[in-house]
PDB file of N, CA and C in Angstrom:
ATOM      1  N   MET A   1       8.287 123.282  38.027  1.00  0.00           N
ATOM      2  CA  MET A   1       9.064 124.194  38.588  1.00  0.00           C
ATOM      3  C   MET A   1      10.466 124.006  38.291  1.00  0.00           C
ATOM      4  N   ASP A   2      11.221 124.997  38.173  1.00  0.00           N
ATOM      5  CA  ASP A   2      12.537 125.042  37.769  1.00  0.00           C
ATOM      6  C   ASP A   2      13.413 124.448  39.050  1.00  0.00           C
ATOM      7  N   LYS A   3      14.616 123.937  38.720  1.00  0.00           N
ATOM      8  CA  LYS A   3      15.362 123.417  39.736  1.00  0.00           C
ATOM      9  C   LYS A   3      16.074 124.441  40.475  1.00  0.00           C
ATOM     10  N   ILE A   4      16.023 124.482  41.776  1.00  0.00           N
ATOM     11  CA  ILE A   4      16.500 125.561  42.621  1.00  0.00           C
ATOM     12  C   ILE A   4      18.213 125.237  42.601  1.00  0.00           C
ATOM     13  N   THR A   5      18.890 126.246  42.332  1.00  0.00           N
ATOM     14  CA  THR A   5      20.301 126.061  42.422  1.00  0.00           C
ATOM     15  C   THR A   5      20.985 126.863  43.555  1.00  0.00           C
ATOM     16  N   THR A   6      20.370 127.902  43.941  1.00  0.00           N
ATOM     17  CA  THR A   6      20.940 128.817  44.911  1.00  0.00           C
ATOM     18  C   THR A   6      19.861 129.302  45.815  1.00  0.00           C
ATOM     19  N   ILE A   7      19.986 129.433  47.104  1.00  0.00           N
ATOM     20  CA  ILE A   7      19.148 129.793  48.079  1.00  0.00           C
ATOM     21  C   ILE A   7      19.710 130.968  49.084  1.00  0.00           C
ATOM     22  N   GLY A   8      19.128 132.010  49.236  1.00  0.00           N
ATOM     23  CA  GLY A   8      19.604 133.003  50.200  1.00  0.00           C
ATOM     24  C   GLY A   8      18.622 132.881  51.457  1.00  0.00           C
ATOM     25  N   LEU A   9      19.217 132.474  52.575  1.00  0.00           N
ATOM     26  CA  LEU A   9      18.499 132.254  53.814  1.00  0.00           C
ATOM     27  C   LEU A   9      18.650 133.217  54.918  1.00  0.00           C
ATOM     28  N   ASP A  10      17.584 134.006  55.184  1.00  0.00           N
ATOM     29  CA  ASP A  10      17.691 134.984  56.255  1.00  0.00           C
ATOM     30  C   ASP A  10      17.177 134.429  57.569  1.00  0.00           C
ATOM     31  N   ILE A  11      17.899 134.104  58.497  1.00  0.00           N
ATOM     32  CA  ILE A  11      17.526 133.448  59.783  1.00  0.00           C
ATOM     33  C   ILE A  11      17.121 134.496  60.792  1.00  0.00           C
ATOM     34  N   ALA A  12      16.226 134.070  61.602  1.00  0.00           N
ATOM     35  CA  ALA A  12      15.556 134.872  62.629  1.00  0.00           C
ATOM     36  C   ALA A  12      15.271 133.950  63.895  1.00  0.00           C
ATOM     37  N   LYS A  13      14.531 134.470  64.905  1.00  0.00           N
ATOM     38  CA  LYS A  13      14.208 133.692  66.007  1.00  0.00           C
ATOM     39  C   LYS A  13      13.210 132.600  65.581  1.00  0.00           C
ATOM     40  N   ASN A  14      12.085 133.015  65.024  1.00  0.00           N
ATOM     41  CA  ASN A  14      11.059 132.033  64.717  1.00  0.00           C
ATOM     42  C   ASN A  14      10.687 131.877  63.281  1.00  0.00           C
ATOM     43  N   VAL A  15      10.640 133.000  62.460  1.00  0.00           N
ATOM     44  CA  VAL A  15      10.371 132.688  61.023  1.00  0.00           C
ATOM     45  C   VAL A  15      11.520 133.099  60.161  1.00  0.00           C
ATOM     46  N   PHE A  16      11.890 132.133  59.190  1.00  0.00           N
ATOM     47  CA  PHE A  16      13.021 132.189  58.414  1.00  0.00           C
ATOM     48  C   PHE A  16      12.695 132.586  56.941  1.00  0.00           C
ATOM     49  N   GLN A  17      13.258 133.366  56.275  1.00  0.00           N
ATOM     50  CA  GLN A  17      12.804 133.906  54.954  1.00  0.00           C
ATOM     51  C   GLN A  17      13.764 133.275  53.868  1.00  0.00           C
ATOM     52  N   LEU A  18      13.196 132.684  52.855  1.00  0.00           N
ATOM     53  CA  LEU A  18      14.101 131.869  51.788  1.00  0.00           C
ATOM     54  C   LEU A  18      13.833 132.707  50.483  1.00  0.00           C
ATOM     55  N   HIS A  19      14.749 132.855  49.665  1.00  0.00           N
ATOM     56  CA  HIS A  19      14.815 133.371  48.306  1.00  0.00           C
ATOM     57  C   HIS A  19      15.654 132.415  47.535  1.00  0.00           C
ATOM     58  N   GLY A  20      15.015 131.730  46.510  1.00  0.00           N
ATOM     59  CA  GLY A  20      15.736 130.845  45.674  1.00  0.00           C
ATOM     60  C   GLY A  20      15.621 131.211  44.194  1.00  0.00           C
ATOM     61  N   ILE A  21      16.820 130.865  43.603  1.00  0.00           N
ATOM     62  CA  ILE A  21      16.902 131.218  41.986  1.00  0.00           C
ATOM     63  C   ILE A  21      17.383 129.869  41.404  1.00  0.00           C
ATOM     64  N   ALA A  22      16.951 129.886  40.045  1.00  0.00           N
ATOM     65  CA  ALA A  22      17.391 128.730  39.143  1.00  0.00           C
ATOM     66  C   ALA A  22      18.738 128.966  38.506  1.00  0.00           C
ATOM     67  N   ALA A  23      19.236 128.077  37.748  1.00  0.00           N
ATOM     68  CA  ALA A  23      20.589 128.303  37.145  1.00  0.00           C
ATOM     69  C   ALA A  23      20.618 129.483  36.193  1.00  0.00           C
ATOM     70  N   ASP A  24      19.446 129.842  35.604  1.00  0.00           N
ATOM     71  CA  ASP A  24      19.283 131.043  34.737  1.00  0.00           C
ATOM     72  C   ASP A  24      19.169 132.309  35.408  1.00  0.00           C
ATOM     73  N   GLY A  25      19.018 132.281  36.811  1.00  0.00           N
ATOM     74  CA  GLY A  25      18.818 133.521  37.500  1.00  0.00           C
ATOM     75  C   GLY A  25      17.536 134.003  37.815  1.00  0.00           C
ATOM     76  N   GLN A  26      16.447 133.159  37.344  1.00  0.00           N
ATOM     77  CA  GLN A  26      15.067 133.412  37.653  1.00  0.00           C
ATOM     78  C   GLN A  26      14.754 132.972  39.009  1.00  0.00           C
ATOM     79  N   ILE A  27      13.844 133.972  39.642  1.00  0.00           N
ATOM     80  CA  ILE A  27      13.437 133.591  40.963  1.00  0.00           C
ATOM     81  C   ILE A  27      12.390 132.593  40.891  1.00  0.00           C
ATOM     82  N   VAL A  28      12.667 131.475  41.636  1.00  0.00           N
ATOM     83  CA  VAL A  28      11.711 130.315  41.633  1.00  0.00           C
ATOM     84  C   VAL A  28      10.988 130.033  43.036  1.00  0.00           C
ATOM     85  N   LEU A  29      11.637 130.693  44.058  1.00  0.00           N
ATOM     86  CA  LEU A  29      11.199 130.402  45.424  1.00  0.00           C
ATOM     87  C   LEU A  29      11.300 131.736  46.208  1.00  0.00           C
ATOM     88  N   ARG A  30      10.088 132.164  46.922  1.00  0.00           N
ATOM     89  CA  ARG A  30      10.052 133.027  47.849  1.00  0.00           C
ATOM     90  C   ARG A  30       9.211 132.572  48.944  1.00  0.00           C
ATOM     91  N   LYS A  31       9.745 132.227  50.038  1.00  0.00           N
ATOM     92  CA  LYS A  31       9.021 131.385  50.984  1.00  0.00           C
ATOM     93  C   LYS A  31       9.427 131.815  52.472  1.00  0.00           C
ATOM     94  N   SER A  32       8.507 131.884  53.424  1.00  0.00           N
ATOM     95  CA  SER A  32       8.968 131.915  54.735  1.00  0.00           C
ATOM     96  C   SER A  32       8.600 130.550  55.485  1.00  0.00           C
ATOM     97  N   LEU A  33       9.453 130.152  56.466  1.00  0.00           N
ATOM     98  CA  LEU A  33       9.364 128.876  57.137  1.00  0.00           C
ATOM     99  C   LEU A  33       9.474 129.160  58.597  1.00  0.00           C
ATOM    100  N   ARG A  34       8.776 128.460  59.384  1.00  0.00           N
ATOM    101  CA  ARG A  34       8.903 128.436  60.820  1.00  0.00           C
ATOM    102  C   ARG A  34       9.991 127.616  61.189  1.00  0.00           C
ATOM    103  N   ARG A  35      10.475 127.714  62.384  1.00  0.00           N
ATOM    104  CA  ARG A  35      11.686 126.917  62.876  1.00  0.00           C
ATOM    105  C   ARG A  35      11.462 125.372  62.655  1.00  0.00           C
ATOM    106  N   GLY A  36      10.348 124.807  63.039  1.00  0.00           N
ATOM    107  CA  GLY A  36      10.118 123.444  62.903  1.00  0.00           C
ATOM    108  C   GLY A  36       9.956 122.941  61.529  1.00  0.00           C
ATOM    109  N   GLN A  37       9.650 123.832  60.549  1.00  0.00           N
ATOM    110  CA  GLN A  37       9.612 123.462  59.047  1.00  0.00           C
ATOM    111  C   GLN A  37      10.952 123.456  58.361  1.00  0.00           C
ATOM    112  N   MET A  38      11.928 123.963  58.987  1.00  0.00           N
ATOM    113  CA  MET A  38      13.247 124.122  58.255  1.00  0.00           C
ATOM    114  C   MET A  38      13.837 122.773  57.871  1.00  0.00           C
ATOM    115  N   GLN A  39      14.027 121.945  58.762  1.00  0.00           N
ATOM    116  CA  GLN A  39      14.862 120.648  58.575  1.00  0.00           C
ATOM    117  C   GLN A  39      14.050 119.786  57.548  1.00  0.00           C
ATOM    118  N   PRO A  40      12.786 119.569  57.784  1.00  0.00           N
ATOM    119  CA  PRO A  40      12.065 118.678  56.715  1.00  0.00           C
ATOM    120  C   PRO A  40      12.010 119.293  55.197  1.00  0.00           C
ATOM    121  N   PHE A  41      11.903 120.603  55.145  1.00  0.00           N
ATOM    122  CA  PHE A  41      12.053 121.210  53.893  1.00  0.00           C
ATOM    123  C   PHE A  41      13.257 121.137  53.113  1.00  0.00           C
ATOM    124  N   PHE A  42      14.320 121.256  53.902  1.00  0.00           N
ATOM    125  CA  PHE A  42      15.771 121.146  53.215  1.00  0.00           C
ATOM    126  C   PHE A  42      16.068 119.638  53.033  1.00  0.00           C
ATOM    127  N   GLU A  43      15.434 118.815  53.800  1.00  0.00           N
ATOM    128  CA  GLU A  43      15.874 117.462  53.730  1.00  0.00           C
ATOM    129  C   GLU A  43      15.223 116.906  52.261  1.00  0.00           C
ATOM    130  N   LYS A  44      14.048 117.371  51.936  1.00  0.00           N
ATOM    131  CA  LYS A  44      13.232 117.020  50.657  1.00  0.00           C
ATOM    132  C   LYS A  44      13.907 117.708  49.416  1.00  0.00           C
ATOM    133  N   LEU A  45      14.596 118.852  49.624  1.00  0.00           N
ATOM    134  CA  LEU A  45      15.030 119.721  48.419  1.00  0.00           C
ATOM    135  C   LEU A  45      16.275 119.105  47.975  1.00  0.00           C
ATOM    136  N   ALA A  46      16.544 119.077  46.769  1.00  0.00           N
ATOM    137  CA  ALA A  46      17.858 118.528  46.086  1.00  0.00           C
ATOM    138  C   ALA A  46      18.912 119.452  46.468  1.00  0.00           C
ATOM    139  N   PRO A  47      20.013 118.774  46.574  1.00  0.00           N
ATOM    140  CA  PRO A  47      21.275 119.614  47.015  1.00  0.00           C
ATOM    141  C   PRO A  47      21.457 120.890  46.177  1.00  0.00           C
ATOM    142  N   CYS A  48      21.717 122.026  46.917  1.00  0.00           N
ATOM    143  CA  CYS A  48      22.015 123.304  46.291  1.00  0.00           C
ATOM    144  C   CYS A  48      22.926 124.141  47.167  1.00  0.00           C
ATOM    145  N   LEU A  49      23.143 125.317  46.561  1.00  0.00           N
ATOM    146  CA  LEU A  49      24.095 126.198  47.283  1.00  0.00           C
ATOM    147  C   LEU A  49      23.167 127.062  48.214  1.00  0.00           C
ATOM    148  N   ILE A  50      23.635 127.294  49.476  1.00  0.00           N
ATOM    149  CA  ILE A  50      22.745 128.047  50.391  1.00  0.00           C
ATOM    150  C   ILE A  50      23.658 129.035  51.091  1.00  0.00           C
ATOM    151  N   GLY A  51      23.143 130.256  50.916  1.00  0.00           N
ATOM    152  CA  GLY A  51      24.064 131.369  51.639  1.00  0.00           C
ATOM    153  C   GLY A  51      23.255 131.985  52.832  1.00  0.00           C
ATOM    154  N   MET A  52      24.049 132.167  53.948  1.00  0.00           N
ATOM    155  CA  MET A  52      23.418 132.725  55.175  1.00  0.00           C
ATOM    156  C   MET A  52      24.316 133.926  55.723  1.00  0.00           C
ATOM    157  N   GLU A  53      23.784 134.797  56.379  1.00  0.00           N
ATOM    158  CA  GLU A  53      24.549 135.879  57.090  1.00  0.00           C
ATOM    159  C   GLU A  53      25.121 135.263  58.169  1.00  0.00           C
ATOM    160  N   ALA A  54      26.522 135.379  58.539  1.00  0.00           N
ATOM    161  CA  ALA A  54      27.186 134.758  59.491  1.00  0.00           C
ATOM    162  C   ALA A  54      26.701 135.440  60.879  1.00  0.00           C
ATOM    163  N   CYS A  55      26.321 134.615  61.894  1.00  0.00           N
ATOM    164  CA  CYS A  55      25.929 134.893  63.121  1.00  0.00           C
ATOM    165  C   CYS A  55      26.017 133.786  64.117  1.00  0.00           C
ATOM    166  N   ALA A  56      25.742 133.897  65.273  1.00  0.00           N
ATOM    167  CA  ALA A  56      25.788 132.738  66.257  1.00  0.00           C
ATOM    168  C   ALA A  56      25.045 131.545  65.812  1.00  0.00           C
ATOM    169  N   THR A  57      23.787 131.598  65.428  1.00  0.00           N
ATOM    170  CA  THR A  57      23.011 130.606  65.135  1.00  0.00           C
ATOM    171  C   THR A  57      23.254 130.149  63.706  1.00  0.00           C
ATOM    172  N   ALA A  58      23.829 130.800  62.872  1.00  0.00           N
ATOM    173  CA  ALA A  58      24.196 130.545  61.517  1.00  0.00           C
ATOM    174  C   ALA A  58      24.983 129.206  61.455  1.00  0.00           C
ATOM    175  N   HIS A  59      25.805 129.114  62.371  1.00  0.00           N
ATOM    176  CA  HIS A  59      26.699 127.974  62.357  1.00  0.00           C
ATOM    177  C   HIS A  59      25.908 126.593  62.713  1.00  0.00           C
ATOM    178  N   HIS A  60      25.060 126.665  63.617  1.00  0.00           N
ATOM    179  CA  HIS A  60      24.141 125.620  63.943  1.00  0.00           C
ATOM    180  C   HIS A  60      23.459 125.139  62.731  1.00  0.00           C
ATOM    181  N   TRP A  61      22.751 126.211  61.983  1.00  0.00           N
ATOM    182  CA  TRP A  61      21.858 125.712  60.735  1.00  0.00           C
ATOM    183  C   TRP A  61      22.856 125.373  59.709  1.00  0.00           C
ATOM    184  N   ALA A  62      23.878 125.829  59.573  1.00  0.00           N
ATOM    185  CA  ALA A  62      24.865 125.427  58.501  1.00  0.00           C
ATOM    186  C   ALA A  62      25.290 123.892  58.708  1.00  0.00           C
ATOM    187  N   ARG A  63      25.450 123.572  59.864  1.00  0.00           N
ATOM    188  CA  ARG A  63      25.862 122.049  60.227  1.00  0.00           C
ATOM    189  C   ARG A  63      24.694 121.267  59.738  1.00  0.00           C
ATOM    190  N   THR A  64      23.464 121.660  60.198  1.00  0.00           N
ATOM    191  CA  THR A  64      22.247 121.023  59.847  1.00  0.00           C
ATOM    192  C   THR A  64      22.102 120.823  58.215  1.00  0.00           C
ATOM    193  N   LEU A  65      22.192 121.934  57.672  1.00  0.00           N
ATOM    194  CA  LEU A  65      22.085 121.798  56.192  1.00  0.00           C
ATOM    195  C   LEU A  65      23.128 121.148  55.541  1.00  0.00           C
ATOM    196  N   ILE A  66      24.218 121.127  55.870  1.00  0.00           N
ATOM    197  CA  ILE A  66      25.481 120.477  55.260  1.00  0.00           C
ATOM    198  C   ILE A  66      25.106 118.868  55.562  1.00  0.00           C
ATOM    199  N   ALA A  67      24.494 118.559  56.599  1.00  0.00           N
ATOM    200  CA  ALA A  67      24.211 117.145  56.983  1.00  0.00           C
ATOM    201  C   ALA A  67      23.028 116.724  55.964  1.00  0.00           C
ATOM    202  N   ALA A  68      22.340 117.597  55.511  1.00  0.00           N
ATOM    203  CA  ALA A  68      21.239 117.136  54.528  1.00  0.00           C
ATOM    204  C   ALA A  68      21.776 117.189  53.027  1.00  0.00           C
ATOM    205  N   GLY A  69      23.065 117.423  52.855  1.00  0.00           N
ATOM    206  CA  GLY A  69      23.699 117.355  51.613  1.00  0.00           C
ATOM    207  C   GLY A  69      23.882 118.698  50.917  1.00  0.00           C
ATOM    208  N   HIS A  70      23.588 119.778  51.486  1.00  0.00           N
ATOM    209  CA  HIS A  70      23.665 121.171  50.854  1.00  0.00           C
ATOM    210  C   HIS A  70      25.070 121.717  50.947  1.00  0.00           C
ATOM    211  N   ASP A  71      25.483 122.638  50.000  1.00  0.00           N
ATOM    212  CA  ASP A  71      26.673 123.444  50.141  1.00  0.00           C
ATOM    213  C   ASP A  71      26.366 124.656  50.852  1.00  0.00           C
ATOM    214  N   VAL A  72      26.795 124.916  51.990  1.00  0.00           N
ATOM    215  CA  VAL A  72      26.386 126.036  52.780  1.00  0.00           C
ATOM    216  C   VAL A  72      27.577 127.067  52.929  1.00  0.00           C
ATOM    217  N   ARG A  73      27.362 128.268  52.636  1.00  0.00           N
ATOM    218  CA  ARG A  73      28.370 129.335  52.767  1.00  0.00           C
ATOM    219  C   ARG A  73      27.902 130.575  53.584  1.00  0.00           C
ATOM    220  N   LEU A  74      28.602 130.958  54.596  1.00  0.00           N
ATOM    221  CA  LEU A  74      28.299 131.965  55.506  1.00  0.00           C
ATOM    222  C   LEU A  74      29.114 133.251  55.116  1.00  0.00           C
ATOM    223  N   ILE A  75      28.393 134.322  55.130  1.00  0.00           N
ATOM    224  CA  ILE A  75      28.915 135.655  54.563  1.00  0.00           C
ATOM    225  C   ILE A  75      28.829 136.674  55.687  1.00  0.00           C
ATOM    226  N   PRO A  76      29.898 137.375  55.931  1.00  0.00           N
ATOM    227  CA  PRO A  76      29.773 138.473  57.073  1.00  0.00           C
ATOM    228  C   PRO A  76      28.799 139.405  56.670  1.00  0.00           C
ATOM    229  N   PRO A  77      28.035 140.019  57.649  1.00  0.00           N
ATOM    230  CA  PRO A  77      27.035 140.828  57.433  1.00  0.00           C
ATOM    231  C   PRO A  77      27.300 142.127  56.692  1.00  0.00           C
ATOM    232  N   SER A  78      28.567 142.581  56.884  1.00  0.00           N
ATOM    233  CA  SER A  78      28.978 143.836  56.042  1.00  0.00           C
ATOM    234  C   SER A  78      29.212 143.516  54.638  1.00  0.00           C
ATOM    235  N   TYR A  79      29.392 142.314  54.247  1.00  0.00           N
ATOM    236  CA  TYR A  79      29.602 142.165  52.951  1.00  0.00           C
ATOM    237  C   TYR A  79      28.295 141.932  52.107  1.00  0.00           C
ATOM    238  N   ILE A  80      27.079 141.734  52.923  1.00  0.00           N
ATOM    239  CA  ILE A  80      25.848 141.794  52.216  1.00  0.00           C
ATOM    240  C   ILE A  80      25.223 143.019  51.959  1.00  0.00           C
ATOM    241  N   LYS A  81      25.511 144.109  52.904  1.00  0.00           N
ATOM    242  CA  LYS A  81      24.907 145.385  52.847  1.00  0.00           C
ATOM    243  C   LYS A  81      24.952 145.971  51.332  1.00  0.00           C
ATOM    244  N   PRO A  82      25.927 145.905  50.663  1.00  0.00           N
ATOM    245  CA  PRO A  82      25.947 146.472  49.251  1.00  0.00           C
ATOM    246  C   PRO A  82      24.930 145.977  48.318  1.00  0.00           C
ATOM    247  N   TYR A  83      24.424 144.710  48.662  1.00  0.00           N
ATOM    248  CA  TYR A  83      23.601 144.027  47.609  1.00  0.00           C
ATOM    249  C   TYR A  83      22.144 144.234  48.110  1.00  0.00           C
ATOM    250  N   LEU A  84      21.886 144.881  49.059  1.00  0.00           N
ATOM    251  CA  LEU A  84      20.537 145.209  49.477  1.00  0.00           C
ATOM    252  C   LEU A  84      19.936 146.467  48.688  1.00  0.00           C
ATOM    253  N   ARG A  85      18.879 146.171  47.957  1.00  0.00           N
ATOM    254  CA  ARG A  85      18.338 147.039  46.999  1.00  0.00           C
ATOM    255  C   ARG A  85      17.218 147.913  47.528  1.00  0.00           C
ATOM    256  N   ARG A  86      16.560 147.519  48.539  1.00  0.00           N
ATOM    257  CA  ARG A  86      15.446 148.351  49.099  1.00  0.00           C
ATOM    258  C   ARG A  86      15.380 148.269  50.607  1.00  0.00           C
ATOM    259  N   GLN A  87      14.348 148.655  51.181  1.00  0.00           N
ATOM    260  CA  GLN A  87      14.243 148.714  52.667  1.00  0.00           C
ATOM    261  C   GLN A  87      14.821 147.478  53.426  1.00  0.00           C
ATOM    262  N   LYS A  88      15.296 147.507  54.545  1.00  0.00           N
ATOM    263  CA  LYS A  88      15.804 146.400  55.181  1.00  0.00           C
ATOM    264  C   LYS A  88      14.553 145.612  55.854  1.00  0.00           C
ATOM    265  N   ASN A  89      14.435 144.387  55.258  1.00  0.00           N
ATOM    266  CA  ASN A  89      13.331 143.528  55.945  1.00  0.00           C
ATOM    267  C   ASN A  89      13.900 142.198  55.656  1.00  0.00           C
ATOM    268  N   ASP A  90      13.222 141.036  56.164  1.00  0.00           N
ATOM    269  CA  ASP A  90      13.684 139.719  56.011  1.00  0.00           C
ATOM    270  C   ASP A  90      13.744 139.287  54.549  1.00  0.00           C
ATOM    271  N   ALA A  91      12.734 139.661  53.778  1.00  0.00           N
ATOM    272  CA  ALA A  91      12.693 139.217  52.375  1.00  0.00           C
ATOM    273  C   ALA A  91      13.787 139.824  51.573  1.00  0.00           C
ATOM    274  N   ALA A  92      13.969 141.091  51.758  1.00  0.00           N
ATOM    275  CA  ALA A  92      14.974 141.888  51.014  1.00  0.00           C
ATOM    276  C   ALA A  92      16.361 141.338  51.439  1.00  0.00           C
ATOM    277  N   ASP A  93      16.652 141.009  52.738  1.00  0.00           N
ATOM    278  CA  ASP A  93      17.877 140.407  53.172  1.00  0.00           C
ATOM    279  C   ASP A  93      18.149 139.219  52.412  1.00  0.00           C
ATOM    280  N   ALA A  94      17.101 138.241  52.432  1.00  0.00           N
ATOM    281  CA  ALA A  94      17.288 136.835  51.820  1.00  0.00           C
ATOM    282  C   ALA A  94      17.632 137.068  50.305  1.00  0.00           C
ATOM    283  N   ALA A  95      17.075 137.977  49.544  1.00  0.00           N
ATOM    284  CA  ALA A  95      17.386 138.231  48.226  1.00  0.00           C
ATOM    285  C   ALA A  95      18.777 138.840  48.024  1.00  0.00           C
ATOM    286  N   ALA A  96      19.253 139.650  48.938  1.00  0.00           N
ATOM    287  CA  ALA A  96      20.549 140.213  48.936  1.00  0.00           C
ATOM    288  C   ALA A  96      21.639 139.137  49.192  1.00  0.00           C
ATOM    289  N   ILE A  97      21.289 138.261  50.235  1.00  0.00           N
ATOM    290  CA  ILE A  97      22.143 137.091  50.462  1.00  0.00           C
ATOM    291  C   ILE A  97      22.401 136.178  49.329  1.00  0.00           C
ATOM    292  N   CYS A  98      21.215 135.950  48.620  1.00  0.00           N
ATOM    293  CA  CYS A  98      21.256 135.122  47.525  1.00  0.00           C
ATOM    294  C   CYS A  98      22.013 135.580  46.338  1.00  0.00           C
ATOM    295  N   GLU A  99      22.060 136.909  46.166  1.00  0.00           N
ATOM    296  CA  GLU A  99      22.845 137.518  45.002  1.00  0.00           C
ATOM    297  C   GLU A  99      24.284 137.508  45.589  1.00  0.00           C
ATOM    298  N   ALA A 100      24.646 137.924  46.785  1.00  0.00           N
ATOM    299  CA  ALA A 100      25.929 138.035  47.200  1.00  0.00           C
ATOM    300  C   ALA A 100      26.684 136.588  47.212  1.00  0.00           C
ATOM    301  N   VAL A 101      25.986 135.493  47.536  1.00  0.00           N
ATOM    302  CA  VAL A 101      26.616 134.145  47.698  1.00  0.00           C
ATOM    303  C   VAL A 101      27.172 133.713  46.297  1.00  0.00           C
ATOM    304  N   THR A 102      26.511 134.236  45.240  1.00  0.00           N
ATOM    305  CA  THR A 102      26.921 133.892  43.822  1.00  0.00           C
ATOM    306  C   THR A 102      28.131 134.585  43.276  1.00  0.00           C
ATOM    307  N   ARG A 103      28.505 135.725  43.964  1.00  0.00           N
ATOM    308  CA  ARG A 103      29.599 136.466  43.460  1.00  0.00           C
ATOM    309  C   ARG A 103      30.956 135.695  43.587  1.00  0.00           C
ATOM    310  N   PRO A 104      31.748 135.685  42.425  1.00  0.00           N
ATOM    311  CA  PRO A 104      33.082 134.792  42.600  1.00  0.00           C
ATOM    312  C   PRO A 104      34.070 135.566  43.508  1.00  0.00           C
ATOM    313  N   SER A 105      34.011 136.795  43.631  1.00  0.00           N
ATOM    314  CA  SER A 105      35.045 137.534  44.647  1.00  0.00           C
ATOM    315  C   SER A 105      34.615 137.421  46.098  1.00  0.00           C
ATOM    316  N   MET A 106      33.511 136.824  46.438  1.00  0.00           N
ATOM    317  CA  MET A 106      32.951 137.020  47.725  1.00  0.00           C
ATOM    318  C   MET A 106      33.911 136.198  48.724  1.00  0.00           C
ATOM    319  N   ARG A 107      34.072 136.618  49.960  1.00  0.00           N
ATOM    320  CA  ARG A 107      34.740 135.904  50.938  1.00  0.00           C
ATOM    321  C   ARG A 107      33.816 135.334  52.001  1.00  0.00           C
ATOM    322  N   PHE A 108      34.164 134.203  52.500  1.00  0.00           N
ATOM    323  CA  PHE A 108      33.247 133.494  53.400  1.00  0.00           C
ATOM    324  C   PHE A 108      33.728 133.205  54.724  1.00  0.00           C
ATOM    325  N   VAL A 109      32.896 132.949  55.639  1.00  0.00           N
ATOM    326  CA  VAL A 109      33.327 132.526  57.079  1.00  0.00           C
ATOM    327  C   VAL A 109      33.349 130.986  57.048  1.00  0.00           C
ATOM    328  N   PRO A 110      34.272 130.332  57.588  1.00  0.00           N
ATOM    329  CA  PRO A 110      34.311 128.873  57.742  1.00  0.00           C
ATOM    330  C   PRO A 110      33.106 128.579  58.909  1.00  0.00           C
ATOM    331  N   VAL A 111      32.394 127.363  58.603  1.00  0.00           N
ATOM    332  CA  VAL A 111      31.554 126.882  59.485  1.00  0.00           C
ATOM    333  C   VAL A 111      32.197 126.236  60.696  1.00  0.00           C
ATOM    334  N   LYS A 112      31.792 126.830  61.906  1.00  0.00           N
ATOM    335  CA  LYS A 112      32.414 126.254  63.188  1.00  0.00           C
ATOM    336  C   LYS A 112      31.826 124.853  63.585  1.00  0.00           C
ATOM    337  N   SER A 113      32.543 124.059  64.152  1.00  0.00           N
ATOM    338  CA  SER A 113      32.143 122.814  64.599  1.00  0.00           C
ATOM    339  C   SER A 113      31.555 123.020  66.067  1.00  0.00           C
ATOM    340  N   GLU A 114      30.850 122.068  66.673  1.00  0.00           N
ATOM    341  CA  GLU A 114      30.287 122.216  67.952  1.00  0.00           C
ATOM    342  C   GLU A 114      31.349 122.458  68.956  1.00  0.00           C
TER     343      GLU A 114
END
């Protein structure tokens, strides 16, 4: 399997959707995780760039993922909308987040402390 360099993470109440790409832009990961599987999965994963939609719980997950060694960036929801290619669902949102986080002109929300 290719090394994952970027992950788009769509967070929800119970099921989280992941979309990961390698350095060459090829999709290498499409996966859904339950809440309890999140931390063990990302602790085993090599450090990478993770993008999430900025919301109340995104700050908690960002702190958790930063502690696991990842580079986490939060994007305002209105900035992700133009990258959505098809119907709005969790998998499509994760793909749009993954694409948006790699854009050089993208602006990000700082992660809040507790």
